[in-house]
Amino acid sequence: MDLSTTIASTAIVLAVILTAGYAFGEAASEPTQEQTIEAREVQRKTAYEGDCETPNKTEEEQLACRDAVRPLETGL
């Protein structure tokens, strides 16, 4: 086998290994953008609902809570 063929074959094998490692390594280590957004929405909704359920809120504070929670419920 020629030296140039050996070098080319080695380069192709290394490129395939690098590409496969990058593709599988990144997917397992970081959450997707959709997962991150869903987690934030759950945290916000939980925080607002807990805040709105306190019994000593004025009517104005309760309305502000409902207005803050409503977009989270509709997905806006």
Protein backbone atom coordinates (compact mmCIF):
# COMPACT_ATOMS: atom_id res chain seq x y z
CA MET A 1 0.00 0.00 0.00
CA ASP A 2 1.22 3.47 -0.80
CA LEU A 3 2.02 5.94 1.95
CA SER A 4 -0.54 8.43 0.64
CA THR A 5 -3.31 5.81 0.74
CA THR A 6 -2.41 4.90 4.32
CA ILE A 7 -2.45 8.54 5.41
CA ALA A 8 -5.78 9.18 3.65
CA SER A 9 -7.37 6.10 5.22
CA THR A 10 -6.14 7.10 8.67
CA ALA A 11 -7.51 10.63 8.20
CA ILE A 12 -10.94 9.30 7.19
CA VAL A 13 -11.09 6.94 10.17
CA LEU A 14 -10.10 9.73 12.57
CA ALA A 15 -12.70 12.08 11.04
CA VAL A 16 -15.45 9.48 11.52
CA ILE A 17 -14.42 8.87 15.13
CA LEU A 18 -14.30 12.62 15.84
CA THR A 19 -17.71 13.23 14.27
CA ALA A 20 -19.34 10.33 16.13
CA GLY A 21 -17.82 11.42 19.44
CA TYR A 22 -19.01 14.98 18.97
CA ALA A 23 -22.54 13.93 18.00
CA PHE A 24 -23.06 11.51 20.88
CA GLY A 25 -21.09 13.44 23.50
CA GLU A 26 -22.97 16.73 23.17
CA ALA A 27 -26.44 15.20 23.18
CA ALA A 28 -25.83 13.43 26.47
CA SER A 29 -24.19 16.28 28.36
CA GLU A 30 -26.45 19.29 27.74
CA PRO A 31 -30.24 19.61 27.95
CA THR A 32 -32.02 20.77 24.83
CA GLN A 33 -33.37 24.28 24.56
CA GLU A 34 -36.92 22.96 24.83
CA GLN A 35 -36.12 21.11 28.07
CA THR A 36 -34.55 24.24 29.54
CA ILE A 37 -37.59 26.37 28.66
CA GLU A 38 -40.01 23.81 30.11
CA ALA A 39 -38.04 23.63 33.36
CA ARG A 40 -38.07 27.42 33.71
CA GLU A 41 -41.83 27.58 33.07
CA VAL A 42 -42.48 24.97 35.75
CA GLN A 43 -40.32 26.89 38.23
CA ARG A 44 -42.07 30.19 37.48
CA LYS A 45 -45.53 28.69 37.67
CA THR A 46 -44.76 26.99 40.98
CA ALA A 47 -43.32 30.18 42.43
CA TYR A 48 -46.29 32.32 41.35
CA GLU A 49 -48.90 29.80 42.47
CA GLY A 50 -47.26 29.47 45.88
CA ASP A 51 -47.06 33.23 46.17
CA CYS A 52 -50.70 33.73 45.17
CA GLU A 53 -52.04 31.21 47.66
CA THR A 54 -50.95 33.12 50.75
CA PRO A 55 -54.11 34.21 52.60
CA ASN A 56 -53.05 37.75 53.58
CA LYS A 57 -52.95 39.23 50.09
CA THR A 58 -54.82 42.38 49.20
CA GLU A 59 -57.19 42.25 46.26
CA GLU A 60 -54.70 44.19 44.16
CA GLU A 61 -51.90 41.71 44.97
CA GLN A 62 -54.15 38.76 44.12
CA LEU A 63 -55.02 40.31 40.76
CA ALA A 64 -51.32 40.89 40.05
CA CYS A 65 -50.63 37.23 40.86
CA ARG A 66 -53.38 36.02 38.57
CA ASP A 67 -52.15 38.25 35.77
CA ALA A 68 -48.64 36.85 36.22
CA VAL A 69 -49.80 33.21 36.26
CA ARG A 70 -52.27 33.46 33.37
CA PRO A 71 -49.62 33.72 30.59
CA LEU A 72 -47.84 30.68 32.05
CA GLU A 73 -51.03 28.64 31.90
CA THR A 74 -51.83 29.58 28.30
CA GLY A 75 -48.27 29.01 27.11
CA LEU A 76 -47.61 32.60 26.04
